[in-house]
Protein backbone atom coordinates (compact mmCIF):
# COMPACT_ATOMS: atom_id res chain seq x y z
CA UNK A 1 0.00 0.00 0.00
CA UNK A 2 1.45 3.39 -0.95
CA UNK A 3 2.01 6.07 1.66
CA UNK A 4 -0.35 9.06 1.93
CA UNK A 5 2.32 11.26 0.34
CA UNK A 6 2.78 8.85 -2.59
CA UNK A 7 -0.97 8.72 -3.12
CA UNK A 8 -1.23 12.52 -3.11
CA UNK A 9 1.62 12.86 -5.63
CA UNK A 10 0.14 10.22 -7.94
CA UNK A 11 -3.17 11.99 -8.40
CA UNK A 12 -5.05 9.03 -6.96
CA UNK A 13 -7.15 8.91 -3.81
CA UNK A 14 -6.94 6.34 -1.02
CA UNK A 15 -10.25 4.88 -2.24
CA UNK A 16 -8.54 3.97 -5.53
CA UNK A 17 -6.40 1.47 -3.63
CA UNK A 18 -9.01 0.14 -1.21
CA UNK A 19 -11.13 -2.05 -3.47
CA UNK A 20 -12.00 -5.69 -3.73
CA UNK A 21 -9.79 -7.86 -5.95
CA UNK A 22 -10.90 -8.26 -9.55
CA UNK A 23 -10.79 -11.62 -11.27
CA UNK A 24 -9.11 -11.73 -14.68
CA UNK A 25 -10.67 -14.16 -17.13
CA UNK A 26 -8.19 -16.62 -18.69
CA UNK A 27 -8.75 -15.16 -22.18
CA UNK A 28 -7.75 -11.73 -20.88
CA UNK A 29 -4.72 -12.83 -18.87
CA UNK A 30 -2.05 -12.24 -21.58
CA UNK A 31 -3.17 -8.66 -22.24
CA UNK A 32 -3.56 -7.99 -18.50
CA UNK A 33 -0.01 -9.22 -17.85
CA UNK A 34 1.34 -7.04 -20.68
CA UNK A 35 -0.55 -4.03 -19.32
CA UNK A 36 0.85 -4.75 -15.88
CA UNK A 37 4.38 -4.91 -17.35
CA UNK A 38 3.76 -1.49 -18.91
CA UNK A 39 3.00 0.08 -15.50
CA UNK A 40 6.16 2.23 -15.61
CA UNK A 41 5.88 3.16 -19.29
CA UNK A 42 3.41 6.06 -19.20
CA UNK A 43 4.11 9.17 -21.26
CA UNK A 44 3.75 12.21 -19.03
CA UNK A 45 2.52 15.71 -19.84
CA UNK A 46 1.91 18.83 -17.80
CA UNK A 47 -1.33 17.37 -16.39
CA UNK A 48 -0.06 13.86 -15.75
CA UNK A 49 -0.15 10.67 -17.83
CA UNK A 50 -1.13 11.05 -21.50
CA UNK A 51 -0.80 7.45 -22.68
CA UNK A 52 1.46 4.44 -22.81
CA UNK A 53 4.81 4.43 -24.59
CA UNK A 54 3.83 2.30 -27.57
CA UNK A 55 7.45 1.84 -28.63
CA UNK A 56 8.03 -0.22 -25.49
CA UNK A 57 4.71 -2.03 -25.90
CA UNK A 58 5.46 -3.01 -29.50
CA UNK A 59 8.90 -4.25 -28.49
CA UNK A 60 7.40 -6.42 -25.74
CA UNK A 61 4.69 -7.72 -28.08
CA UNK A 62 7.24 -8.60 -30.78
CA UNK A 63 8.85 -11.01 -28.32
CA UNK A 64 5.58 -12.82 -27.54
CA UNK A 65 5.39 -14.99 -30.71
CA UNK A 66 1.88 -13.73 -31.50
CA UNK A 67 0.04 -14.45 -34.72
CA UNK A 68 -0.84 -11.36 -36.76
CA UNK A 69 -4.46 -11.59 -35.59
CA UNK A 70 -3.55 -12.01 -31.90
CA UNK A 71 -1.08 -9.12 -32.18
CA UNK A 72 -3.84 -6.89 -33.56
CA UNK A 73 -6.34 -8.00 -30.91
CA UNK A 74 -3.86 -7.50 -28.07
CA UNK A 75 -3.08 -4.00 -29.35
CA UNK A 76 -6.81 -3.17 -29.35
CA UNK A 77 -7.27 -4.62 -25.86
CA UNK A 78 -4.33 -2.60 -24.51
CA UNK A 79 -5.93 0.56 -25.90
CA UNK A 80 -9.15 -0.22 -24.00
CA UNK A 81 -7.23 -0.75 -20.75
CA UNK A 82 -5.18 2.40 -21.40
CA UNK A 83 -8.31 4.46 -22.03
CA UNK A 84 -9.97 3.32 -18.80
CA UNK A 85 -6.76 3.76 -16.81
CA UNK A 86 -6.36 7.32 -18.10
CA UNK A 87 -9.97 8.11 -17.23
CA UNK A 88 -9.41 6.80 -13.69
CA UNK A 89 -6.12 8.69 -13.29
CA UNK A 90 -7.63 11.99 -14.44
CA UNK A 91 -10.86 11.66 -12.47
CA UNK A 92 -11.16 14.45 -9.91
C-alpha atoms as a PDB file:
ATOM      1  CA  UNK A   1       0.000   0.000   0.000  1.00  0.00           C
ATOM      2  CA  UNK A   2       1.454   3.386  -0.947  1.00  0.00           C
ATOM      3  CA  UNK A   3       2.011   6.069   1.656  1.00  0.00           C
ATOM      4  CA  UNK A   4      -0.355   9.056   1.926  1.00  0.00           C
ATOM      5  CA  UNK A   5       2.320  11.260   0.335  1.00  0.00           C
ATOM      6  CA  UNK A   6       2.780   8.854  -2.589  1.00  0.00           C
ATOM      7  CA  UNK A   7      -0.975   8.719  -3.123  1.00  0.00           C
ATOM      8  CA  UNK A   8      -1.229  12.523  -3.112  1.00  0.00           C
ATOM      9  CA  UNK A   9       1.620  12.861  -5.627  1.00  0.00           C
ATOM     10  CA  UNK A  10       0.137  10.217  -7.943  1.00  0.00           C
ATOM     11  CA  UNK A  11      -3.175  11.995  -8.402  1.00  0.00           C
ATOM     12  CA  UNK A  12      -5.053   9.032  -6.965  1.00  0.00           C
ATOM     13  CA  UNK A  13      -7.154   8.908  -3.807  1.00  0.00           C
ATOM     14  CA  UNK A  14      -6.942   6.340  -1.019  1.00  0.00           C
ATOM     15  CA  UNK A  15     -10.249   4.884  -2.239  1.00  0.00           C
ATOM     16  CA  UNK A  16      -8.538   3.967  -5.534  1.00  0.00           C
ATOM     17  CA  UNK A  17      -6.401   1.467  -3.632  1.00  0.00           C
ATOM     18  CA  UNK A  18      -9.012   0.138  -1.208  1.00  0.00           C
ATOM     19  CA  UNK A  19     -11.135  -2.045  -3.471  1.00  0.00           C
ATOM     20  CA  UNK A  20     -12.001  -5.690  -3.729  1.00  0.00           C
ATOM     21  CA  UNK A  21      -9.792  -7.860  -5.953  1.00  0.00           C
ATOM     22  CA  UNK A  22     -10.898  -8.258  -9.554  1.00  0.00           C
ATOM     23  CA  UNK A  23     -10.786 -11.621 -11.274  1.00  0.00           C
ATOM     24  CA  UNK A  24      -9.108 -11.731 -14.682  1.00  0.00           C
ATOM     25  CA  UNK A  25     -10.668 -14.157 -17.133  1.00  0.00           C
ATOM     26  CA  UNK A  26      -8.192 -16.623 -18.688  1.00  0.00           C
ATOM     27  CA  UNK A  27      -8.753 -15.163 -22.184  1.00  0.00           C
ATOM     28  CA  UNK A  28      -7.747 -11.729 -20.876  1.00  0.00           C
ATOM     29  CA  UNK A  29      -4.720 -12.833 -18.869  1.00  0.00           C
ATOM     30  CA  UNK A  30      -2.054 -12.238 -21.576  1.00  0.00           C
ATOM     31  CA  UNK A  31      -3.172  -8.660 -22.238  1.00  0.00           C
ATOM     32  CA  UNK A  32      -3.564  -7.990 -18.504  1.00  0.00           C
ATOM     33  CA  UNK A  33      -0.014  -9.216 -17.855  1.00  0.00           C
ATOM     34  CA  UNK A  34       1.336  -7.039 -20.684  1.00  0.00           C
ATOM     35  CA  UNK A  35      -0.553  -4.031 -19.322  1.00  0.00           C
ATOM     36  CA  UNK A  36       0.852  -4.755 -15.877  1.00  0.00           C
ATOM     37  CA  UNK A  37       4.381  -4.910 -17.348  1.00  0.00           C
ATOM     38  CA  UNK A  38       3.759  -1.490 -18.907  1.00  0.00           C
ATOM     39  CA  UNK A  39       3.003   0.084 -15.501  1.00  0.00           C
ATOM     40  CA  UNK A  40       6.162   2.228 -15.611  1.00  0.00           C
ATOM     41  CA  UNK A  41       5.875   3.156 -19.288  1.00  0.00           C
ATOM     42  CA  UNK A  42       3.414   6.059 -19.198  1.00  0.00           C
ATOM     43  CA  UNK A  43       4.111   9.172 -21.262  1.00  0.00           C
ATOM     44  CA  UNK A  44       3.745  12.213 -19.032  1.00  0.00           C
ATOM     45  CA  UNK A  45       2.521  15.705 -19.843  1.00  0.00           C
ATOM     46  CA  UNK A  46       1.909  18.832 -17.803  1.00  0.00           C
ATOM     47  CA  UNK A  47      -1.325  17.372 -16.391  1.00  0.00           C
ATOM     48  CA  UNK A  48      -0.063  13.856 -15.751  1.00  0.00           C
ATOM     49  CA  UNK A  49      -0.148  10.670 -17.835  1.00  0.00           C
ATOM     50  CA  UNK A  50      -1.133  11.045 -21.496  1.00  0.00           C
ATOM     51  CA  UNK A  51      -0.802   7.451 -22.682  1.00  0.00           C
ATOM     52  CA  UNK A  52       1.456   4.441 -22.806  1.00  0.00           C
ATOM     53  CA  UNK A  53       4.810   4.432 -24.585  1.00  0.00           C
ATOM     54  CA  UNK A  54       3.826   2.302 -27.568  1.00  0.00           C
ATOM     55  CA  UNK A  55       7.455   1.836 -28.631  1.00  0.00           C
ATOM     56  CA  UNK A  56       8.027  -0.219 -25.492  1.00  0.00           C
ATOM     57  CA  UNK A  57       4.708  -2.032 -25.896  1.00  0.00           C
ATOM     58  CA  UNK A  58       5.459  -3.011 -29.501  1.00  0.00           C
ATOM     59  CA  UNK A  59       8.901  -4.253 -28.486  1.00  0.00           C
ATOM     60  CA  UNK A  60       7.404  -6.417 -25.745  1.00  0.00           C
ATOM     61  CA  UNK A  61       4.694  -7.719 -28.075  1.00  0.00           C
ATOM     62  CA  UNK A  62       7.237  -8.601 -30.779  1.00  0.00           C
ATOM     63  CA  UNK A  63       8.849 -11.010 -28.321  1.00  0.00           C
ATOM     64  CA  UNK A  64       5.582 -12.815 -27.542  1.00  0.00           C
ATOM     65  CA  UNK A  65       5.388 -14.986 -30.706  1.00  0.00           C
ATOM     66  CA  UNK A  66       1.881 -13.731 -31.498  1.00  0.00           C
ATOM     67  CA  UNK A  67       0.044 -14.446 -34.716  1.00  0.00           C
ATOM     68  CA  UNK A  68      -0.841 -11.359 -36.762  1.00  0.00           C
ATOM     69  CA  UNK A  69      -4.459 -11.591 -35.593  1.00  0.00           C
ATOM     70  CA  UNK A  70      -3.555 -12.011 -31.901  1.00  0.00           C
ATOM     71  CA  UNK A  71      -1.082  -9.119 -32.176  1.00  0.00           C
ATOM     72  CA  UNK A  72      -3.844  -6.888 -33.563  1.00  0.00           C
ATOM     73  CA  UNK A  73      -6.343  -8.000 -30.906  1.00  0.00           C
ATOM     74  CA  UNK A  74      -3.862  -7.500 -28.073  1.00  0.00           C
ATOM     75  CA  UNK A  75      -3.082  -4.002 -29.353  1.00  0.00           C
ATOM     76  CA  UNK A  76      -6.806  -3.167 -29.354  1.00  0.00           C
ATOM     77  CA  UNK A  77      -7.269  -4.621 -25.862  1.00  0.00           C
ATOM     78  CA  UNK A  78      -4.330  -2.602 -24.514  1.00  0.00           C
ATOM     79  CA  UNK A  79      -5.932   0.558 -25.905  1.00  0.00           C
ATOM     80  CA  UNK A  80      -9.149  -0.218 -24.005  1.00  0.00           C
ATOM     81  CA  UNK A  81      -7.229  -0.750 -20.751  1.00  0.00           C
ATOM     82  CA  UNK A  82      -5.176   2.396 -21.398  1.00  0.00           C
ATOM     83  CA  UNK A  83      -8.314   4.455 -22.026  1.00  0.00           C
ATOM     84  CA  UNK A  84      -9.970   3.324 -18.802  1.00  0.00           C
ATOM     85  CA  UNK A  85      -6.759   3.763 -16.805  1.00  0.00           C
ATOM     86  CA  UNK A  86      -6.356   7.322 -18.105  1.00  0.00           C
ATOM     87  CA  UNK A  87      -9.975   8.112 -17.231  1.00  0.00           C
ATOM     88  CA  UNK A  88      -9.407   6.802 -13.691  1.00  0.00           C
ATOM     89  CA  UNK A  89      -6.121   8.691 -13.286  1.00  0.00           C
ATOM     90  CA  UNK A  90      -7.629  11.992 -14.444  1.00  0.00           C
ATOM     91  CA  UNK A  91     -10.864  11.661 -12.470  1.00  0.00           C
ATOM     92  CA  UNK A  92     -11.157  14.446  -9.912  1.00  0.00           C
END
